């Protein structure tokens, strides 16, 4: 009788302990779900209408990127706007969706400052219409071995500091100009058949394609040098903009390059200069002016004919 009672007692105790363990595991699982988020960014890029960034690089002054019709624009510091090319928007979305959680670095707000995910970090807000689909702060980054980097981030509705893969603190820490269309020319050089360089005095010349070979003022040019130049020129960009250039600066162009193409007709790149400034403008992007003087950018476009002559 005693053995039977002992067995029953043991069974009851075992069942109670098992129930306690199960309850503990369930609660622990729930707590784990609350404390660790494997997915930090959950946005529908087709519904995104605006992105507000508060970068450390601008002392957290707002950089606003928004959709207008099918186009994207960025608000500049002077209140004006500039177009944002679609590849840059796509890259921005790609980077946002690339946030992959490695783990939790901290679980309380008193650690935010240590990881720069408080007001010292770069904050990003993503909107789908009136809905705030994402509110995230990107903090400092750290190097991992071998040759990898990670970044600390925090989302607005979570006290946790998460470690994610990649150098995300760089990707979003830029001013408005970074997101602008910085292309001077946008065309395939295979479509080009003549380049006319109009310079002061008697230094003007022409490059003409004749039966797939290039000639300079009627003489055979160095094909490798021409190919290197036109390939570089077709992809040339400049992050240094001149907004509202003075009318006196634009009074007369000093250098002109006209590219005859089989796809777009003529593309003209003009350099306007005075005693202190050089502004470069392309007919492909007529409302955009670049600072040609900075880092001697103008010299990359307007080269002398000796650049194409065989040694």
C-alpha atoms as a PDB file:
ATOM      1  CA  UNK A   1       0.000   0.000   0.000  1.00  0.00           C
ATOM      2  CA  UNK A   2       2.829   2.311   0.922  1.00  0.00           C
ATOM      3  CA  UNK A   3       4.644   1.496  -2.332  1.00  0.00           C
ATOM      4  CA  UNK A   4       1.506   2.261  -4.337  1.00  0.00           C
ATOM      5  CA  UNK A   5       1.142   5.632  -2.612  1.00  0.00           C
ATOM      6  CA  UNK A   6       4.785   6.359  -3.159  1.00  0.00           C
ATOM      7  CA  UNK A   7       4.484   5.576  -6.855  1.00  0.00           C
ATOM      8  CA  UNK A   8       1.392   7.748  -7.196  1.00  0.00           C
ATOM      9  CA  UNK A   9       3.165  10.581  -5.385  1.00  0.00           C
ATOM     10  CA  UNK A  10       6.167  10.290  -7.647  1.00  0.00           C
ATOM     11  CA  UNK A  11       3.959  10.336 -10.727  1.00  0.00           C
ATOM     12  CA  UNK A  12       2.091  13.435  -9.485  1.00  0.00           C
ATOM     13  CA  UNK A  13       5.348  15.200  -8.641  1.00  0.00           C
ATOM     14  CA  UNK A  14       6.750  14.298 -12.065  1.00  0.00           C
ATOM     15  CA  UNK A  15       3.638  15.642 -13.839  1.00  0.00           C
ATOM     16  CA  UNK A  16       3.778  18.880 -11.839  1.00  0.00           C
ATOM     17  CA  UNK A  17       7.473  19.341 -12.586  1.00  0.00           C
ATOM     18  CA  UNK A  18       6.901  18.580 -16.258  1.00  0.00           C
ATOM     19  CA  UNK A  19       4.121  21.187 -16.385  1.00  0.00           C
ATOM     20  CA  UNK A  20       6.411  23.753 -14.739  1.00  0.00           C
ATOM     21  CA  UNK A  21       9.155  23.032 -17.264  1.00  0.00           C
ATOM     22  CA  UNK A  22       6.744  23.330 -20.210  1.00  0.00           C
ATOM     23  CA  UNK A  23       5.328  26.624 -18.904  1.00  0.00           C
ATOM     24  CA  UNK A  24       8.846  27.943 -18.356  1.00  0.00           C
ATOM     25  CA  UNK A  25       9.894  26.988 -21.878  1.00  0.00           C
ATOM     26  CA  UNK A  26       6.823  28.630 -23.391  1.00  0.00           C
ATOM     27  CA  UNK A  27       7.371  31.844 -21.447  1.00  0.00           C
ATOM     28  CA  UNK A  28      11.051  31.799 -22.255  1.00  0.00           C
ATOM     29  CA  UNK A  29      10.234  31.364 -25.928  1.00  0.00           C
ATOM     30  CA  UNK A  30       7.837  34.287 -25.825  1.00  0.00           C
ATOM     31  CA  UNK A  31      10.381  36.430 -24.042  1.00  0.00           C
ATOM     32  CA  UNK A  32      12.950  35.465 -26.646  1.00  0.00           C
ATOM     33  CA  UNK A  33      10.603  36.552 -29.404  1.00  0.00           C
ATOM     34  CA  UNK A  34      10.142  39.891 -27.711  1.00  0.00           C
ATOM     35  CA  UNK A  35      13.852  40.392 -27.118  1.00  0.00           C
ATOM     36  CA  UNK A  36      15.197  39.242 -30.487  1.00  0.00           C
ATOM     37  CA  UNK A  37      13.864  40.365 -33.867  1.00  0.00           C
ATOM     38  CA  UNK A  38      15.368  38.558 -36.804  1.00  0.00           C
ATOM     39  CA  UNK A  39      13.689  41.010 -39.200  1.00  0.00           C
ATOM     40  CA  UNK A  40      14.068  44.709 -38.456  1.00  0.00           C
ATOM     41  CA  UNK A  41      12.829  46.206 -41.727  1.00  0.00           C
ATOM     42  CA  UNK A  42       9.428  45.226 -43.042  1.00  0.00           C
ATOM     43  CA  UNK A  43       8.433  47.674 -45.763  1.00  0.00           C
ATOM     44  CA  UNK A  44       6.703  47.378 -49.126  1.00  0.00           C
ATOM     45  CA  UNK A  45       8.957  49.362 -51.469  1.00  0.00           C
ATOM     46  CA  UNK A  46       6.142  49.717 -54.021  1.00  0.00           C
ATOM     47  CA  UNK A  47       4.119  51.634 -51.407  1.00  0.00           C
ATOM     48  CA  UNK A  48       6.887  53.872 -50.062  1.00  0.00           C
ATOM     49  CA  UNK A  49       6.154  57.554 -50.698  1.00  0.00           C
ATOM     50  CA  UNK A  50       8.879  59.300 -48.722  1.00  0.00           C
ATOM     51  CA  UNK A  51      12.072  58.736 -46.770  1.00  0.00           C
ATOM     52  CA  UNK A  52      13.294  61.172 -44.119  1.00  0.00           C
ATOM     53  CA  UNK A  53      16.929  60.849 -43.068  1.00  0.00           C
ATOM     54  CA  UNK A  54      18.600  62.746 -40.224  1.00  0.00           C
ATOM     55  CA  UNK A  55      22.307  62.072 -40.836  1.00  0.00           C
ATOM     56  CA  UNK A  56      25.141  62.700 -38.441  1.00  0.00           C
ATOM     57  CA  UNK A  57      26.964  64.297 -41.402  1.00  0.00           C
ATOM     58  CA  UNK A  58      24.435  67.165 -41.458  1.00  0.00           C
ATOM     59  CA  UNK A  59      24.181  67.507 -37.664  1.00  0.00           C
ATOM     60  CA  UNK A  60      20.883  65.642 -38.018  1.00  0.00           C
ATOM     61  CA  UNK A  61      19.290  68.204 -40.334  1.00  0.00           C
ATOM     62  CA  UNK A  62      16.554  66.513 -42.322  1.00  0.00           C
ATOM     63  CA  UNK A  63      17.228  65.096 -45.783  1.00  0.00           C
ATOM     64  CA  UNK A  64      13.808  64.481 -47.305  1.00  0.00           C
ATOM     65  CA  UNK A  65      13.375  62.207 -50.327  1.00  0.00           C
ATOM     66  CA  UNK A  66       9.861  61.910 -51.686  1.00  0.00           C
ATOM     67  CA  UNK A  67       7.899  60.524 -54.594  1.00  0.00           C
ATOM     68  CA  UNK A  68       6.088  62.852 -56.980  1.00  0.00           C
ATOM     69  CA  UNK A  69       4.106  60.930 -59.552  1.00  0.00           C
ATOM     70  CA  UNK A  70       6.517  58.291 -60.843  1.00  0.00           C
ATOM     71  CA  UNK A  71       9.599  60.365 -60.070  1.00  0.00           C
ATOM     72  CA  UNK A  72      11.667  60.842 -56.934  1.00  0.00           C
ATOM     73  CA  UNK A  73      13.013  64.146 -55.658  1.00  0.00           C
ATOM     74  CA  UNK A  74      15.205  65.326 -52.818  1.00  0.00           C
ATOM     75  CA  UNK A  75      14.685  68.563 -50.932  1.00  0.00           C
ATOM     76  CA  UNK A  76      17.793  70.750 -50.904  1.00  0.00           C
ATOM     77  CA  UNK A  77      19.078  72.960 -48.110  1.00  0.00           C
ATOM     78  CA  UNK A  78      17.774  76.117 -49.830  1.00  0.00           C
ATOM     79  CA  UNK A  79      14.245  74.691 -50.026  1.00  0.00           C
ATOM     80  CA  UNK A  80      14.448  73.833 -53.717  1.00  0.00           C
ATOM     81  CA  UNK A  81      14.276  70.293 -55.049  1.00  0.00           C
ATOM     82  CA  UNK A  82      16.380  68.157 -57.362  1.00  0.00           C
ATOM     83  CA  UNK A  83      15.619  64.881 -59.162  1.00  0.00           C
ATOM     84  CA  UNK A  84      16.843  61.600 -57.697  1.00  0.00           C
ATOM     85  CA  UNK A  85      17.743  58.971 -60.332  1.00  0.00           C
ATOM     86  CA  UNK A  86      15.903  55.687 -60.003  1.00  0.00           C
ATOM     87  CA  UNK A  87      19.100  53.623 -59.533  1.00  0.00           C
ATOM     88  CA  UNK A  88      19.865  55.590 -56.371  1.00  0.00           C
ATOM     89  CA  UNK A  89      16.374  54.965 -55.006  1.00  0.00           C
ATOM     90  CA  UNK A  90      16.687  51.278 -55.809  1.00  0.00           C
ATOM     91  CA  UNK A  91      20.061  51.166 -54.055  1.00  0.00           C
ATOM     92  CA  UNK A  92      18.531  52.883 -51.018  1.00  0.00           C
ATOM     93  CA  UNK A  93      15.789  50.258 -50.847  1.00  0.00           C
ATOM     94  CA  UNK A  94      18.338  47.479 -51.342  1.00  0.00           C
ATOM     95  CA  UNK A  95      20.363  48.734 -48.389  1.00  0.00           C
ATOM     96  CA  UNK A  96      17.285  49.069 -46.177  1.00  0.00           C
ATOM     97  CA  UNK A  97      16.166  45.527 -46.926  1.00  0.00           C
ATOM     98  CA  UNK A  98      19.705  44.237 -46.351  1.00  0.00           C
ATOM     99  CA  UNK A  99      19.555  44.692 -42.567  1.00  0.00           C
ATOM    100  CA  UNK A 100      20.308  41.185 -41.279  1.00  0.00           C
ATOM    101  CA  UNK A 101      20.301  40.716 -37.514  1.00  0.00           C
ATOM    102  CA  UNK A 102      23.348  39.054 -35.965  1.00  0.00           C
ATOM    103  CA  UNK A 103      22.266  39.377 -32.358  1.00  0.00           C
ATOM    104  CA  UNK A 104      21.286  41.658 -29.492  1.00  0.00           C
ATOM    105  CA  UNK A 105      24.059  43.913 -28.172  1.00  0.00           C
ATOM    106  CA  UNK A 106      22.060  45.534 -25.351  1.00  0.00           C
ATOM    107  CA  UNK A 107      18.559  45.358 -23.907  1.00  0.00           C
ATOM    108  CA  UNK A 108      18.040  48.648 -22.094  1.00  0.00           C
ATOM    109  CA  UNK A 109      17.947  52.346 -22.966  1.00  0.00           C
ATOM    110  CA  UNK A 110      20.863  53.199 -20.687  1.00  0.00           C
ATOM    111  CA  UNK A 111      23.121  51.499 -23.259  1.00  0.00           C
ATOM    112  CA  UNK A 112      21.868  53.442 -26.276  1.00  0.00           C
ATOM    113  CA  UNK A 113      24.508  56.141 -26.053  1.00  0.00           C
ATOM    114  CA  UNK A 114      27.330  53.584 -25.908  1.00  0.00           C
ATOM    115  CA  UNK A 115      26.244  52.271 -29.314  1.00  0.00           C
ATOM    116  CA  UNK A 116      25.279  55.723 -30.698  1.00  0.00           C
ATOM    117  CA  UNK A 117      21.670  54.684 -31.302  1.00  0.00           C
ATOM    118  CA  UNK A 118      20.286  57.636 -29.325  1.00  0.00           C
ATOM    119  CA  UNK A 119      20.066  61.186 -30.694  1.00  0.00           C
ATOM    120  CA  UNK A 120      23.712  60.961 -31.811  1.00  0.00           C
ATOM    121  CA  UNK A 121      22.938  58.352 -34.484  1.00  0.00           C
ATOM    122  CA  UNK A 122      21.527  58.653 -37.999  1.00  0.00           C
ATOM    123  CA  UNK A 123      17.747  58.340 -37.905  1.00  0.00           C
ATOM    124  CA  UNK A 124      15.643  57.059 -40.805  1.00  0.00           C
ATOM    125  CA  UNK A 125      11.884  57.293 -41.184  1.00  0.00           C
ATOM    126  CA  UNK A 126      10.105  55.545 -44.051  1.00  0.00           C
ATOM    127  CA  UNK A 127       6.489  56.351 -44.934  1.00  0.00           C
ATOM    128  CA  UNK A 128       3.919  54.471 -46.948  1.00  0.00           C
ATOM    129  CA  UNK A 129       1.467  57.306 -47.477  1.00  0.00           C
ATOM    130  CA  UNK A 130       0.553  58.532 -43.988  1.00  0.00           C
ATOM    131  CA  UNK A 131       1.761  55.317 -42.366  1.00  0.00           C
ATOM    132  CA  UNK A 132       5.149  55.391 -40.653  1.00  0.00           C
ATOM    133  CA  UNK A 133       6.431  52.012 -41.848  1.00  0.00           C
ATOM    134  CA  UNK A 134       9.900  52.302 -40.313  1.00  0.00           C
ATOM    135  CA  UNK A 135      11.609  54.419 -37.660  1.00  0.00           C
ATOM    136  CA  UNK A 136      15.201  53.311 -37.143  1.00  0.00           C
ATOM    137  CA  UNK A 137      18.392  54.794 -35.701  1.00  0.00           C
ATOM    138  CA  UNK A 138      21.744  53.661 -37.078  1.00  0.00           C
ATOM    139  CA  UNK A 139      24.663  53.868 -34.671  1.00  0.00           C
ATOM    140  CA  UNK A 140      28.341  53.070 -34.721  1.00  0.00           C
ATOM    141  CA  UNK A 141      29.991  50.267 -36.628  1.00  0.00           C
ATOM    142  CA  UNK A 142      32.562  47.689 -35.626  1.00  0.00           C
ATOM    143  CA  UNK A 143      35.047  45.466 -37.443  1.00  0.00           C
ATOM    144  CA  UNK A 144      34.648  41.719 -37.274  1.00  0.00           C
ATOM    145  CA  UNK A 145      37.131  39.074 -38.268  1.00  0.00           C
ATOM    146  CA  UNK A 146      37.821  38.018 -40.903  1.00  0.00           C
ATOM    147  CA  UNK A 147      37.380  41.260 -42.876  1.00  0.00           C
ATOM    148  CA  UNK A 148      33.749  41.925 -42.105  1.00  0.00           C
ATOM    149  CA  UNK A 149      31.908  44.809 -40.493  1.00  0.00           C
ATOM    150  CA  UNK A 150      28.724  45.173 -38.516  1.00  0.00           C
ATOM    151  CA  UNK A 151      26.581  48.087 -37.337  1.00  0.00           C
ATOM    152  CA  UNK A 152      24.464  48.723 -34.255  1.00  0.00           C
ATOM    153  CA  UNK A 153      20.864  49.820 -34.830  1.00  0.00           C
ATOM    154  CA  UNK A 154      17.650  50.376 -32.912  1.00  0.00           C
ATOM    155  CA  UNK A 155      14.030  50.537 -34.024  1.00  0.00           C
ATOM    156  CA  UNK A 156      11.697  53.037 -32.362  1.00  0.00           C
ATOM    157  CA  UNK A 157       9.355  50.573 -30.646  1.00  0.00           C
ATOM    158  CA  UNK A 158      12.120  48.446 -29.137  1.00  0.00           C
ATOM    159  CA  UNK A 159      14.611  49.131 -26.325  1.00  0.00           C
ATOM    160  CA  UNK A 160      17.025  46.555 -27.711  1.00  0.00           C
ATOM    161  CA  UNK A 161      20.194  47.445 -29.579  1.00  0.00           C
ATOM    162  CA  UNK A 162      20.715  45.054 -32.493  1.00  0.00           C
ATOM    163  CA  UNK A 163      23.890  44.184 -34.320  1.00  0.00           C
ATOM    164  CA  UNK A 164      23.430  43.846 -38.072  1.00  0.00           C
ATOM    165  CA  UNK A 165      25.768  42.863 -40.876  1.00  0.00           C
ATOM    166  CA  UNK A 166      27.447  45.532 -42.998  1.00  0.00           C
ATOM    167  CA  UNK A 167      28.734  49.103 -42.834  1.00  0.00           C
ATOM    168  CA  UNK A 168      25.245  50.619 -42.596  1.00  0.00           C
ATOM    169  CA  UNK A 169      26.367  53.734 -40.741  1.00  0.00           C
ATOM    170  CA  UNK A 170      28.052  54.905 -43.967  1.00  0.00           C
ATOM    171  CA  UNK A 171      25.265  54.048 -46.401  1.00  0.00           C
ATOM    172  CA  UNK A 172      22.804  56.573 -44.948  1.00  0.00           C
ATOM    173  CA  UNK A 173      25.108  59.222 -43.505  1.00  0.00           C
ATOM    174  CA  UNK A 174      25.019  61.730 -46.395  1.00  0.00           C
ATOM    175  CA  UNK A 175      23.666  65.160 -47.222  1.00  0.00           C
ATOM    176  CA  UNK A 176      21.016  65.872 -49.869  1.00  0.00           C
ATOM    177  CA  UNK A 177      23.539  66.248 -52.712  1.00  0.00           C
ATOM    178  CA  UNK A 178      24.538  62.599 -52.382  1.00  0.00           C
ATOM    179  CA  UNK A 179      21.121  61.509 -53.651  1.00  0.00           C
ATOM    180  CA  UNK A 180      20.983  63.906 -56.606  1.00  0.00           C
ATOM    181  CA  UNK A 181      21.540  62.935 -60.221  1.00  0.00           C
ATOM    182  CA  UNK A 182      25.261  63.587 -60.613  1.00  0.00           C
ATOM    183  CA  UNK A 183      25.563  62.406 -64.211  1.00  0.00           C
ATOM    184  CA  UNK A 184      26.927  64.804 -66.811  1.00  0.00           C
ATOM    185  CA  UNK A 185      26.342  62.461 -69.767  1.00  0.00           C
ATOM    186  CA  UNK A 186      24.143  59.391 -70.014  1.00  0.00           C
ATOM    187  CA  UNK A 187      24.615  57.482 -73.260  1.00  0.00           C
ATOM    188  CA  UNK A 188      26.363  54.463 -74.733  1.00  0.00           C
ATOM    189  CA  UNK A 189      29.604  55.554 -76.457  1.00  0.00           C
ATOM    190  CA  UNK A 190      29.011  52.900 -79.125  1.00  0.00           C
ATOM    191  CA  UNK A 191      26.428  55.358 -80.483  1.00  0.00           C
ATOM    192  CA  UNK A 192      28.923  58.203 -80.849  1.00  0.00           C
ATOM    193  CA  UNK A 193      30.286  59.118 -84.275  1.00  0.00           C
ATOM    194  CA  UNK A 194      31.788  62.594 -83.848  1.00  0.00           C
ATOM    195  CA  UNK A 195      33.146  64.741 -81.020  1.00  0.00           C
ATOM    196  CA  UNK A 196      33.721  68.438 -81.660  1.00  0.00           C
ATOM    197  CA  UNK A 197      35.925  70.333 -79.195  1.00  0.00           C
ATOM    198  CA  UNK A 198      35.443  74.098 -79.468  1.00  0.00           C
ATOM    199  CA  UNK A 199      38.219  75.915 -77.621  1.00  0.00           C
ATOM    200  CA  UNK A 200      39.566  79.487 -77.556  1.00  0.00           C
ATOM    201  CA  UNK A 201      41.970  80.644 -80.254  1.00  0.00           C
ATOM    202  CA  UNK A 202      42.944  77.945 -82.761  1.00  0.00           C
ATOM    203  CA  UNK A 203      42.999  74.899 -80.439  1.00  0.00           C
ATOM    204  CA  UNK A 204      39.644  73.445 -81.570  1.00  0.00           C
ATOM    205  CA  UNK A 205      39.530  70.029 -83.244  1.00  0.00           C
ATOM    206  CA  UNK A 206      37.269  67.086 -84.113  1.00  0.00           C
ATOM    207  CA  UNK A 207      37.290  63.359 -83.497  1.00  0.00           C
ATOM    208  CA  UNK A 208      35.363  61.536 -86.225  1.00  0.00           C
ATOM    209  CA  UNK A 209      34.560  57.847 -86.497  1.00  0.00           C
ATOM    210  CA  UNK A 210      35.306  56.547 -89.988  1.00  0.00           C
ATOM    211  CA  UNK A 211      34.523  52.866 -90.623  1.00  0.00           C
ATOM    212  CA  UNK A 212      34.875  52.015 -86.925  1.00  0.00           C
ATOM    213  CA  UNK A 213      38.182  53.864 -86.673  1.00  0.00           C
ATOM    214  CA  UNK A 214      38.667  57.296 -85.131  1.00  0.00           C
ATOM    215  CA  UNK A 215      40.394  60.152 -86.910  1.00  0.00           C
ATOM    216  CA  UNK A 216      41.545  63.464 -85.489  1.00  0.00           C
ATOM    217  CA  UNK A 217      41.334  66.299 -87.990  1.00  0.00           C
ATOM    218  CA  UNK A 218      41.595  63.734 -90.781  1.00  0.00           C
ATOM    219  CA  UNK A 219      44.516  61.777 -89.326  1.00  0.00           C
ATOM    220  CA  UNK A 220      44.320  58.375 -87.661  1.00  0.00           C
ATOM    221  CA  UNK A 221      43.974  58.636 -83.878  1.00  0.00           C
ATOM    222  CA  UNK A 222      45.221  56.209 -81.243  1.00  0.00           C
ATOM    223  CA  UNK A 223      42.214  53.896 -80.947  1.00  0.00           C
ATOM    224  CA  UNK A 224      43.091  52.772 -77.404  1.00  0.00           C
ATOM    225  CA  UNK A 225      43.368  56.346 -76.158  1.00  0.00           C
ATOM    226  CA  UNK A 226      40.082  57.332 -77.816  1.00  0.00           C
ATOM    227  CA  UNK A 227      38.299  54.288 -76.405  1.00  0.00           C
ATOM    228  CA  UNK A 228      39.573  54.996 -72.904  1.00  0.00           C
ATOM    229  CA  UNK A 229      38.454  58.632 -73.084  1.00  0.00           C
ATOM    230  CA  UNK A 230      34.954  58.101 -74.491  1.00  0.00           C
ATOM    231  CA  UNK A 231      34.230  55.185 -72.149  1.00  0.00           C
ATOM    232  CA  UNK A 232      35.232  57.327 -69.172  1.00  0.00           C
ATOM    233  CA  UNK A 233      33.307  60.329 -70.493  1.00  0.00           C
ATOM    234  CA  UNK A 234      30.100  58.346 -71.000  1.00  0.00           C
ATOM    235  CA  UNK A 235      30.051  57.479 -67.279  1.00  0.00           C
ATOM    236  CA  UNK A 236      31.429  60.721 -65.885  1.00  0.00           C
ATOM    237  CA  UNK A 237      29.805  62.118 -62.750  1.00  0.00           C
ATOM    238  CA  UNK A 238      30.453  65.005 -60.388  1.00  0.00           C
ATOM    239  CA  UNK A 239      29.113  65.301 -56.814  1.00  0.00           C
ATOM    240  CA  UNK A 240      29.931  69.009 -56.645  1.00  0.00           C
ATOM    241  CA  UNK A 241      26.949  71.087 -57.705  1.00  0.00           C
ATOM    242  CA  UNK A 242      26.534  74.803 -58.301  1.00  0.00           C
ATOM    243  CA  UNK A 243      23.006  75.902 -57.508  1.00  0.00           C
ATOM    244  CA  UNK A 244      21.827  79.264 -58.859  1.00  0.00           C
ATOM    245  CA  UNK A 245      25.019  80.220 -60.736  1.00  0.00           C
ATOM    246  CA  UNK A 246      25.373  83.943 -61.353  1.00  0.00           C
ATOM    247  CA  UNK A 247      24.121  85.267 -64.689  1.00  0.00           C
ATOM    248  CA  UNK A 248      27.513  86.879 -65.234  1.00  0.00           C
ATOM    249  CA  UNK A 249      29.143  83.448 -65.026  1.00  0.00           C
ATOM    250  CA  UNK A 250      26.775  82.018 -67.644  1.00  0.00           C
ATOM    251  CA  UNK A 251      27.206  84.900 -70.059  1.00  0.00           C
ATOM    252  CA  UNK A 252      29.351  82.952 -72.492  1.00  0.00           C
ATOM    253  CA  UNK A 253      30.759  79.444 -72.680  1.00  0.00           C
ATOM    254  CA  UNK A 254      34.538  79.176 -72.812  1.00  0.00           C
ATOM    255  CA  UNK A 255      34.786  75.512 -73.760  1.00  0.00           C
ATOM    256  CA  UNK A 256      32.268  73.363 -75.624  1.00  0.00           C
ATOM    257  CA  UNK A 257      32.147  69.673 -76.417  1.00  0.00           C
ATOM    258  CA  UNK A 258      29.431  68.500 -78.814  1.00  0.00           C
ATOM    259  CA  UNK A 259      28.881  64.765 -79.206  1.00  0.00           C
ATOM    260  CA  UNK A 260      26.989  63.588 -82.275  1.00  0.00           C
ATOM    261  CA  UNK A 261      25.158  60.363 -81.493  1.00  0.00           C
ATOM    262  CA  UNK A 262      23.017  57.960 -83.476  1.00  0.00           C
ATOM    263  CA  UNK A 263      20.627  57.576 -80.545  1.00  0.00           C
ATOM    264  CA  UNK A 264      20.084  61.018 -78.997  1.00  0.00           C
ATOM    265  CA  UNK A 265      21.216  63.457 -81.664  1.00  0.00           C
ATOM    266  CA  UNK A 266      23.638  66.057 -80.327  1.00  0.00           C
ATOM    267  CA  UNK A 267      24.749  66.261 -76.696  1.00  0.00           C
ATOM    268  CA  UNK A 268      26.524  69.482 -75.808  1.00  0.00           C
ATOM    269  CA  UNK A 269      28.607  69.944 -72.667  1.00  0.00           C
ATOM    270  CA  UNK A 270      29.509  73.572 -72.018  1.00  0.00           C
ATOM    271  CA  UNK A 271      31.964  75.114 -69.566  1.00  0.00           C
ATOM    272  CA  UNK A 272      31.169  78.657 -68.459  1.00  0.00           C
ATOM    273  CA  UNK A 273      34.040  80.463 -66.792  1.00  0.00           C
ATOM    274  CA  UNK A 274      34.961  83.783 -65.264  1.00  0.00           C
ATOM    275  CA  UNK A 275      38.001  84.817 -63.239  1.00  0.00           C
ATOM    276  CA  UNK A 276      37.051  82.668 -60.237  1.00  0.00           C
ATOM    277  CA  UNK A 277      34.529  79.954 -61.163  1.00  0.00           C
ATOM    278  CA  UNK A 278      33.830  77.298 -63.796  1.00  0.00           C
ATOM    279  CA  UNK A 279      30.302  75.920 -64.243  1.00  0.00           C
ATOM    280  CA  UNK A 280      29.697  72.847 -66.399  1.00  0.00           C
ATOM    281  CA  UNK A 281      26.312  72.083 -67.909  1.00  0.00           C
ATOM    282  CA  UNK A 282      25.015  69.370 -70.236  1.00  0.00           C
ATOM    283  CA  UNK A 283      22.039  69.575 -72.569  1.00  0.00           C
ATOM    284  CA  UNK A 284      21.003  66.170 -71.226  1.00  0.00           C
ATOM    285  CA  UNK A 285      20.542  67.694 -67.751  1.00  0.00           C
ATOM    286  CA  UNK A 286      19.868  71.362 -68.543  1.00  0.00           C
ATOM    287  CA  UNK A 287      18.928  72.413 -64.993  1.00  0.00           C
ATOM    288  CA  UNK A 288      22.060  71.048 -63.361  1.00  0.00           C
ATOM    289  CA  UNK A 289      25.383  72.846 -63.070  1.00  0.00           C
ATOM    290  CA  UNK A 290      28.585  71.295 -61.775  1.00  0.00           C
ATOM    291  CA  UNK A 291      31.612  72.910 -60.173  1.00  0.00           C
ATOM    292  CA  UNK A 292      34.224  72.419 -62.869  1.00  0.00           C
ATOM    293  CA  UNK A 293      36.969  74.087 -60.877  1.00  0.00           C
ATOM    294  CA  UNK A 294      36.857  71.742 -57.906  1.00  0.00           C
ATOM    295  CA  UNK A 295      39.580  69.100 -58.304  1.00  0.00           C
ATOM    296  CA  UNK A 296      40.041  70.433 -61.868  1.00  0.00           C
ATOM    297  CA  UNK A 297      36.992  68.488 -62.992  1.00  0.00           C
ATOM    298  CA  UNK A 298      36.775  70.456 -66.252  1.00  0.00           C
ATOM    299  CA  UNK A 299      40.132  69.050 -67.379  1.00  0.00           C
ATOM    300  CA  UNK A 300      38.669  65.542 -67.425  1.00  0.00           C
ATOM    301  CA  UNK A 301      36.200  66.617 -70.135  1.00  0.00           C
ATOM    302  CA  UNK A 302      38.079  69.185 -72.195  1.00  0.00           C
ATOM    303  CA  UNK A 303      41.303  67.543 -73.303  1.00  0.00           C
ATOM    304  CA  UNK A 304      43.753  68.584 -75.996  1.00  0.00           C
ATOM    305  CA  UNK A 305      44.111  66.800 -79.329  1.00  0.00           C
ATOM    306  CA  UNK A 306      47.535  65.509 -78.299  1.00  0.00           C
ATOM    307  CA  UNK A 307      45.666  63.161 -75.947  1.00  0.00           C
ATOM    308  CA  UNK A 308      44.630  61.062 -78.958  1.00  0.00           C
ATOM    309  CA  UNK A 309      47.769  61.144 -81.081  1.00  0.00           C
ATOM    310  CA  UNK A 310      49.916  58.016 -81.247  1.00  0.00           C
ATOM    311  CA  UNK A 311      53.258  58.307 -79.518  1.00  0.00           C
END
